């Protein structure tokens, strides 16, 4: 089955150009020219990945990301920004996007980012060990669900991959570069801050006091460790 991708971009020339390139890669493409239209199409077509511009008429990309993340936790979201400023990147990550790309971009780079995200979405299909239990947590790779004290916590595809790596390597200090390679792939060209923002999001979901984490420990000068 073809991966379904929704392009939410108000500039028609960019949207058409991206669509042509992605269709050449075998993807099924849906288009939206506004945030409201993007939400409607996402609800109707249930895409696997959304490529989402920040600057949109009506509701902006941040709000669209927030809505889609709440309604479709396992959806892959790549945000496009016309600015190279850290603010837009960090805001997008905080709203729940999995990756970002700064305009102007090479369509080949977008394809690589999508393929990297696909690997995160599909990585458990051939996993023979369905359960990882580390009380009070349980990760079920068959259903791609994560629980704390028996209560399911909604994770993005990226958060899910990070927590799986942690739970599979208890006590090991993992560098940011290791996490970047394992989660985003060798071909990721973005900022390593994407790791830190995702860790902050994870802590807000699993820690009783994210400011004093008990489970995801910062290893100063190195990265992070699952305690």
C-alpha atoms as a PDB file:
ATOM      1  CA  UNK A   1       0.000   0.000   0.000  1.00  0.00           C
ATOM      2  CA  UNK A   2       1.281   3.469  -0.915  1.00  0.00           C
ATOM      3  CA  UNK A   3       2.189   5.832   1.902  1.00  0.00           C
ATOM      4  CA  UNK A   4      -0.377   8.664   1.960  1.00  0.00           C
ATOM      5  CA  UNK A   5       1.038  12.170   2.339  1.00  0.00           C
ATOM      6  CA  UNK A   6      -0.943  15.362   2.921  1.00  0.00           C
ATOM      7  CA  UNK A   7       0.706  18.620   1.747  1.00  0.00           C
ATOM      8  CA  UNK A   8      -0.617  21.688   3.576  1.00  0.00           C
ATOM      9  CA  UNK A   9       0.913  24.669   1.780  1.00  0.00           C
ATOM     10  CA  UNK A  10      -0.805  27.871   0.608  1.00  0.00           C
ATOM     11  CA  UNK A  11       1.673  28.619  -2.207  1.00  0.00           C
ATOM     12  CA  UNK A  12       0.327  26.575  -5.104  1.00  0.00           C
ATOM     13  CA  UNK A  13       3.585  26.614  -7.084  1.00  0.00           C
ATOM     14  CA  UNK A  14       5.495  25.069  -4.158  1.00  0.00           C
ATOM     15  CA  UNK A  15       2.699  22.593  -3.483  1.00  0.00           C
ATOM     16  CA  UNK A  16       2.584  21.402  -7.098  1.00  0.00           C
ATOM     17  CA  UNK A  17       6.371  21.135  -7.331  1.00  0.00           C
ATOM     18  CA  UNK A  18       6.578  19.061  -4.146  1.00  0.00           C
ATOM     19  CA  UNK A  19       3.638  16.919  -5.239  1.00  0.00           C
ATOM     20  CA  UNK A  20       5.279  16.043  -8.566  1.00  0.00           C
ATOM     21  CA  UNK A  21       8.525  15.032  -6.870  1.00  0.00           C
ATOM     22  CA  UNK A  22       6.831  12.922  -4.209  1.00  0.00           C
ATOM     23  CA  UNK A  23       4.558  11.206  -6.719  1.00  0.00           C
ATOM     24  CA  UNK A  24       7.683  10.168  -8.618  1.00  0.00           C
ATOM     25  CA  UNK A  25       8.744   8.383  -5.429  1.00  0.00           C
ATOM     26  CA  UNK A  26       5.485   6.440  -5.413  1.00  0.00           C
ATOM     27  CA  UNK A  27       3.585   8.341  -2.707  1.00  0.00           C
ATOM     28  CA  UNK A  28      -0.146   9.075  -2.811  1.00  0.00           C
ATOM     29  CA  UNK A  29      -0.555  12.832  -2.360  1.00  0.00           C
ATOM     30  CA  UNK A  30      -3.402  14.962  -1.012  1.00  0.00           C
ATOM     31  CA  UNK A  31      -3.279  18.765  -1.132  1.00  0.00           C
ATOM     32  CA  UNK A  32      -4.595  21.566   1.051  1.00  0.00           C
ATOM     33  CA  UNK A  33      -4.146  25.313   0.653  1.00  0.00           C
ATOM     34  CA  UNK A  34      -5.189  26.353   4.164  1.00  0.00           C
ATOM     35  CA  UNK A  35      -5.020  25.075   7.711  1.00  0.00           C
ATOM     36  CA  UNK A  36      -8.762  24.433   7.924  1.00  0.00           C
ATOM     37  CA  UNK A  37      -8.737  22.485   4.676  1.00  0.00           C
ATOM     38  CA  UNK A  38      -5.747  20.482   5.871  1.00  0.00           C
ATOM     39  CA  UNK A  39      -7.551  19.417   9.053  1.00  0.00           C
ATOM     40  CA  UNK A  40     -10.654  18.410   7.059  1.00  0.00           C
ATOM     41  CA  UNK A  41      -8.657  16.315   4.580  1.00  0.00           C
ATOM     42  CA  UNK A  42      -6.640  14.690   7.379  1.00  0.00           C
ATOM     43  CA  UNK A  43      -9.862  13.638   9.098  1.00  0.00           C
ATOM     44  CA  UNK A  44     -11.317  12.266   5.860  1.00  0.00           C
ATOM     45  CA  UNK A  45      -8.262  10.561   4.330  1.00  0.00           C
ATOM     46  CA  UNK A  46      -6.177   9.575   7.392  1.00  0.00           C
ATOM     47  CA  UNK A  47      -2.735  10.228   5.822  1.00  0.00           C
ATOM     48  CA  UNK A  48       0.417   8.597   7.161  1.00  0.00           C
ATOM     49  CA  UNK A  49       2.505  11.788   6.973  1.00  0.00           C
ATOM     50  CA  UNK A  50       1.632  15.498   6.858  1.00  0.00           C
ATOM     51  CA  UNK A  51       4.024  18.054   5.360  1.00  0.00           C
ATOM     52  CA  UNK A  52       2.845  21.263   6.997  1.00  0.00           C
ATOM     53  CA  UNK A  53       3.764  24.890   6.316  1.00  0.00           C
ATOM     54  CA  UNK A  54       3.747  27.277   9.288  1.00  0.00           C
ATOM     55  CA  UNK A  55       2.506  30.397   7.495  1.00  0.00           C
ATOM     56  CA  UNK A  56      -1.034  29.590   6.342  1.00  0.00           C
ATOM     57  CA  UNK A  57      -4.207  31.597   5.792  1.00  0.00           C
ATOM     58  CA  UNK A  58      -6.691  31.093   8.611  1.00  0.00           C
ATOM     59  CA  UNK A  59      -5.299  28.910  11.370  1.00  0.00           C
ATOM     60  CA  UNK A  60      -1.520  28.632  11.179  1.00  0.00           C
ATOM     61  CA  UNK A  61       0.652  25.530  11.022  1.00  0.00           C
ATOM     62  CA  UNK A  62       1.243  25.470  14.773  1.00  0.00           C
ATOM     63  CA  UNK A  63      -2.482  25.242  15.485  1.00  0.00           C
ATOM     64  CA  UNK A  64      -2.987  22.645  12.743  1.00  0.00           C
ATOM     65  CA  UNK A  65      -0.154  20.591  14.245  1.00  0.00           C
ATOM     66  CA  UNK A  66      -1.739  20.819  17.701  1.00  0.00           C
ATOM     67  CA  UNK A  67      -5.138  19.679  16.385  1.00  0.00           C
ATOM     68  CA  UNK A  68      -3.746  16.792  14.329  1.00  0.00           C
ATOM     69  CA  UNK A  69      -1.443  15.618  17.104  1.00  0.00           C
ATOM     70  CA  UNK A  70      -4.349  15.472  19.555  1.00  0.00           C
ATOM     71  CA  UNK A  71      -6.596  13.590  17.122  1.00  0.00           C
ATOM     72  CA  UNK A  72      -3.956  11.364  15.470  1.00  0.00           C
ATOM     73  CA  UNK A  73      -1.087  10.683  17.914  1.00  0.00           C
ATOM     74  CA  UNK A  74       0.706   8.248  15.577  1.00  0.00           C
ATOM     75  CA  UNK A  75       0.616  10.604  12.567  1.00  0.00           C
ATOM     76  CA  UNK A  76       3.994  11.682  11.181  1.00  0.00           C
ATOM     77  CA  UNK A  77       4.326  15.475  10.888  1.00  0.00           C
ATOM     78  CA  UNK A  78       7.081  17.416   9.096  1.00  0.00           C
ATOM     79  CA  UNK A  79       6.855  21.195   9.452  1.00  0.00           C
ATOM     80  CA  UNK A  80       8.061  23.672   6.830  1.00  0.00           C
ATOM     81  CA  UNK A  81       9.275  27.129   7.832  1.00  0.00           C
ATOM     82  CA  UNK A  82      10.432  30.063   5.719  1.00  0.00           C
ATOM     83  CA  UNK A  83      12.677  31.189   8.556  1.00  0.00           C
ATOM     84  CA  UNK A  84      15.972  29.725   9.701  1.00  0.00           C
ATOM     85  CA  UNK A  85      15.354  31.018  13.233  1.00  0.00           C
ATOM     86  CA  UNK A  86      15.404  28.546  16.098  1.00  0.00           C
ATOM     87  CA  UNK A  87      12.113  29.932  17.434  1.00  0.00           C
ATOM     88  CA  UNK A  88       9.959  28.421  14.680  1.00  0.00           C
ATOM     89  CA  UNK A  89      11.764  25.086  14.848  1.00  0.00           C
ATOM     90  CA  UNK A  90      11.448  24.804  18.613  1.00  0.00           C
ATOM     91  CA  UNK A  91       7.823  25.982  18.625  1.00  0.00           C
ATOM     92  CA  UNK A  92       6.969  23.359  16.000  1.00  0.00           C
ATOM     93  CA  UNK A  93       8.661  20.611  17.990  1.00  0.00           C
ATOM     94  CA  UNK A  94       6.876  21.683  21.146  1.00  0.00           C
ATOM     95  CA  UNK A  95       3.544  21.461  19.347  1.00  0.00           C
ATOM     96  CA  UNK A  96       4.367  17.860  18.422  1.00  0.00           C
ATOM     97  CA  UNK A  97       5.966  17.878  14.981  1.00  0.00           C
ATOM     98  CA  UNK A  98       8.435  15.035  14.300  1.00  0.00           C
ATOM     99  CA  UNK A  99      10.795  16.967  12.050  1.00  0.00           C
ATOM    100  CA  UNK A 100      11.233  20.328  10.345  1.00  0.00           C
ATOM    101  CA  UNK A 101      12.664  21.682   7.103  1.00  0.00           C
ATOM    102  CA  UNK A 102      13.604  25.286   6.303  1.00  0.00           C
ATOM    103  CA  UNK A 103      12.572  26.857   2.990  1.00  0.00           C
ATOM    104  CA  UNK A 104      13.947  26.904   0.389  1.00  0.00           C
ATOM    105  CA  UNK A 105      14.665  23.195   0.478  1.00  0.00           C
ATOM    106  CA  UNK A 106      15.799  20.524  -1.940  1.00  0.00           C
ATOM    107  CA  UNK A 107      12.949  18.083  -2.710  1.00  0.00           C
ATOM    108  CA  UNK A 108      15.445  15.238  -2.327  1.00  0.00           C
ATOM    109  CA  UNK A 109      16.031  16.302   1.279  1.00  0.00           C
ATOM    110  CA  UNK A 110      12.283  16.306   1.946  1.00  0.00           C
ATOM    111  CA  UNK A 111      12.062  12.789   0.487  1.00  0.00           C
ATOM    112  CA  UNK A 112      14.882  11.649   2.785  1.00  0.00           C
ATOM    113  CA  UNK A 113      13.108  13.155   5.806  1.00  0.00           C
ATOM    114  CA  UNK A 114       9.884  11.373   4.846  1.00  0.00           C
ATOM    115  CA  UNK A 115      11.687   8.050   4.409  1.00  0.00           C
ATOM    116  CA  UNK A 116      13.330   8.507   7.806  1.00  0.00           C
ATOM    117  CA  UNK A 117       9.915   9.142   9.348  1.00  0.00           C
ATOM    118  CA  UNK A 118       8.503   6.090   7.577  1.00  0.00           C
ATOM    119  CA  UNK A 119      11.203   3.968   9.202  1.00  0.00           C
ATOM    120  CA  UNK A 120      10.088   5.236  12.596  1.00  0.00           C
ATOM    121  CA  UNK A 121       6.470   4.433  11.788  1.00  0.00           C
ATOM    122  CA  UNK A 122       7.297   0.925  10.562  1.00  0.00           C
ATOM    123  CA  UNK A 123      10.246  -0.079  12.739  1.00  0.00           C
ATOM    124  CA  UNK A 124       8.319  -2.530  14.908  1.00  0.00           C
ATOM    125  CA  UNK A 125       6.724  -4.595  12.141  1.00  0.00           C
ATOM    126  CA  UNK A 126       9.348  -7.349  12.347  1.00  0.00           C
ATOM    127  CA  UNK A 127      10.099  -6.979  16.044  1.00  0.00           C
ATOM    128  CA  UNK A 128      10.034 -10.392  17.684  1.00  0.00           C
ATOM    129  CA  UNK A 129      10.011  -9.053  21.248  1.00  0.00           C
ATOM    130  CA  UNK A 130       6.596  -7.489  21.664  1.00  0.00           C
ATOM    131  CA  UNK A 131       6.845  -6.331  25.261  1.00  0.00           C
ATOM    132  CA  UNK A 132       9.415  -4.325  27.183  1.00  0.00           C
ATOM    133  CA  UNK A 133       8.489  -3.998  30.845  1.00  0.00           C
ATOM    134  CA  UNK A 134      10.345  -1.719  33.232  1.00  0.00           C
ATOM    135  CA  UNK A 135       7.965  -0.854  36.071  1.00  0.00           C
ATOM    136  CA  UNK A 136       5.987   1.331  36.151  1.00  0.00           C
ATOM    137  CA  UNK A 137       6.292   1.340  32.342  1.00  0.00           C
ATOM    138  CA  UNK A 138       5.299  -1.122  29.642  1.00  0.00           C
ATOM    139  CA  UNK A 139       5.981  -0.758  25.927  1.00  0.00           C
ATOM    140  CA  UNK A 140       4.023  -2.983  23.540  1.00  0.00           C
ATOM    141  CA  UNK A 141       5.704  -2.919  20.120  1.00  0.00           C
ATOM    142  CA  UNK A 142       2.961  -5.052  18.534  1.00  0.00           C
ATOM    143  CA  UNK A 143       0.287  -2.427  19.166  1.00  0.00           C
ATOM    144  CA  UNK A 144       2.804   0.482  19.365  1.00  0.00           C
ATOM    145  CA  UNK A 145       1.409   1.502  22.752  1.00  0.00           C
ATOM    146  CA  UNK A 146       3.135   2.760  25.875  1.00  0.00           C
ATOM    147  CA  UNK A 147       1.787   2.565  29.407  1.00  0.00           C
ATOM    148  CA  UNK A 148       2.625   3.989  32.820  1.00  0.00           C
ATOM    149  CA  UNK A 149       0.961   2.348  35.824  1.00  0.00           C
ATOM    150  CA  UNK A 150      -1.352   0.584  33.391  1.00  0.00           C
ATOM    151  CA  UNK A 151      -2.553   3.845  31.815  1.00  0.00           C
ATOM    152  CA  UNK A 152      -1.795   4.404  28.135  1.00  0.00           C
ATOM    153  CA  UNK A 153       0.196   7.554  27.329  1.00  0.00           C
ATOM    154  CA  UNK A 154      -0.116   9.056  23.851  1.00  0.00           C
ATOM    155  CA  UNK A 155       3.296   9.418  22.176  1.00  0.00           C
ATOM    156  CA  UNK A 156       4.283  10.795  18.792  1.00  0.00           C
ATOM    157  CA  UNK A 157       6.171   8.372  16.484  1.00  0.00           C
ATOM    158  CA  UNK A 158       9.429  10.096  17.396  1.00  0.00           C
ATOM    159  CA  UNK A 159       8.749  10.036  21.142  1.00  0.00           C
ATOM    160  CA  UNK A 160       7.837   6.354  20.861  1.00  0.00           C
ATOM    161  CA  UNK A 161      11.149   5.522  19.158  1.00  0.00           C
ATOM    162  CA  UNK A 162      13.143   7.452  21.749  1.00  0.00           C
ATOM    163  CA  UNK A 163      11.439   5.766  24.700  1.00  0.00           C
ATOM    164  CA  UNK A 164      11.923   2.356  23.056  1.00  0.00           C
ATOM    165  CA  UNK A 165      15.661   3.023  22.678  1.00  0.00           C
ATOM    166  CA  UNK A 166      15.875   4.094  26.319  1.00  0.00           C
ATOM    167  CA  UNK A 167      13.967   1.078  27.632  1.00  0.00           C
ATOM    168  CA  UNK A 168      16.076  -1.263  25.486  1.00  0.00           C
ATOM    169  CA  UNK A 169      19.276   0.239  26.938  1.00  0.00           C
ATOM    170  CA  UNK A 170      18.650   0.768  30.664  1.00  0.00           C
ATOM    171  CA  UNK A 171      21.495   2.491  32.475  1.00  0.00           C
ATOM    172  CA  UNK A 172      23.399   3.298  29.275  1.00  0.00           C
ATOM    173  CA  UNK A 173      24.466   6.890  28.646  1.00  0.00           C
ATOM    174  CA  UNK A 174      23.309   7.728  25.128  1.00  0.00           C
ATOM    175  CA  UNK A 175      24.845  10.692  23.339  1.00  0.00           C
ATOM    176  CA  UNK A 176      22.756  13.109  21.318  1.00  0.00           C
ATOM    177  CA  UNK A 177      24.540  11.916  18.181  1.00  0.00           C
ATOM    178  CA  UNK A 178      23.600   8.301  18.963  1.00  0.00           C
ATOM    179  CA  UNK A 179      19.960   9.252  19.444  1.00  0.00           C
ATOM    180  CA  UNK A 180      19.992  11.344  16.251  1.00  0.00           C
ATOM    181  CA  UNK A 181      21.369   8.418  14.251  1.00  0.00           C
ATOM    182  CA  UNK A 182      19.064   5.804  15.776  1.00  0.00           C
ATOM    183  CA  UNK A 183      15.883   7.904  15.483  1.00  0.00           C
ATOM    184  CA  UNK A 184      16.393  10.351  12.608  1.00  0.00           C
ATOM    185  CA  UNK A 185      18.954   8.387  10.568  1.00  0.00           C
ATOM    186  CA  UNK A 186      22.488   8.964   9.280  1.00  0.00           C
ATOM    187  CA  UNK A 187      21.274  11.420   6.653  1.00  0.00           C
ATOM    188  CA  UNK A 188      19.661  13.890   9.103  1.00  0.00           C
ATOM    189  CA  UNK A 189      21.044  17.383   8.471  1.00  0.00           C
ATOM    190  CA  UNK A 190      19.141  19.337  11.101  1.00  0.00           C
ATOM    191  CA  UNK A 191      20.052  20.690  14.524  1.00  0.00           C
ATOM    192  CA  UNK A 192      20.776  18.318  17.415  1.00  0.00           C
ATOM    193  CA  UNK A 193      18.446  20.492  19.536  1.00  0.00           C
ATOM    194  CA  UNK A 194      15.651  18.374  18.087  1.00  0.00           C
ATOM    195  CA  UNK A 195      16.745  15.673  20.556  1.00  0.00           C
ATOM    196  CA  UNK A 196      16.527  17.979  23.581  1.00  0.00           C
ATOM    197  CA  UNK A 197      13.077  19.289  22.644  1.00  0.00           C
ATOM    198  CA  UNK A 198      11.728  15.748  22.249  1.00  0.00           C
ATOM    199  CA  UNK A 199      13.252  14.764  25.604  1.00  0.00           C
ATOM    200  CA  UNK A 200      11.486  17.719  27.250  1.00  0.00           C
ATOM    201  CA  UNK A 201       8.183  16.623  25.707  1.00  0.00           C
ATOM    202  CA  UNK A 202       8.717  13.057  26.892  1.00  0.00           C
ATOM    203  CA  UNK A 203       9.541  14.197  30.405  1.00  0.00           C
ATOM    204  CA  UNK A 204       6.355  16.263  30.524  1.00  0.00           C
ATOM    205  CA  UNK A 205       4.407  13.076  29.794  1.00  0.00           C
ATOM    206  CA  UNK A 206       6.145  10.486  31.976  1.00  0.00           C
ATOM    207  CA  UNK A 207       7.718  12.373  34.889  1.00  0.00           C
ATOM    208  CA  UNK A 208       5.812  13.493  37.977  1.00  0.00           C
ATOM    209  CA  UNK A 209       8.103  16.520  38.137  1.00  0.00           C
ATOM    210  CA  UNK A 210       9.764  17.155  34.743  1.00  0.00           C
ATOM    211  CA  UNK A 211      12.114  19.677  36.369  1.00  0.00           C
ATOM    212  CA  UNK A 212      13.483  16.875  38.573  1.00  0.00           C
ATOM    213  CA  UNK A 213      13.309  13.805  36.282  1.00  0.00           C
ATOM    214  CA  UNK A 214      13.471  10.361  37.879  1.00  0.00           C
ATOM    215  CA  UNK A 215      13.483   8.282  34.695  1.00  0.00           C
ATOM    216  CA  UNK A 216      15.240  10.214  31.888  1.00  0.00           C
ATOM    217  CA  UNK A 217      18.435  11.484  33.470  1.00  0.00           C
ATOM    218  CA  UNK A 218      20.644  14.150  31.897  1.00  0.00           C
ATOM    219  CA  UNK A 219      24.282  13.065  31.617  1.00  0.00           C
ATOM    220  CA  UNK A 220      26.077  16.388  31.484  1.00  0.00           C
ATOM    221  CA  UNK A 221      28.394  16.770  28.527  1.00  0.00           C
ATOM    222  CA  UNK A 222      27.124  13.529  26.990  1.00  0.00           C
ATOM    223  CA  UNK A 223      23.380  13.126  26.565  1.00  0.00           C
ATOM    224  CA  UNK A 224      20.772  11.123  28.459  1.00  0.00           C
ATOM    225  CA  UNK A 225      20.318   7.890  30.390  1.00  0.00           C
ATOM    226  CA  UNK A 226      17.295   5.768  31.279  1.00  0.00           C
ATOM    227  CA  UNK A 227      17.525   5.216  35.067  1.00  0.00           C
END
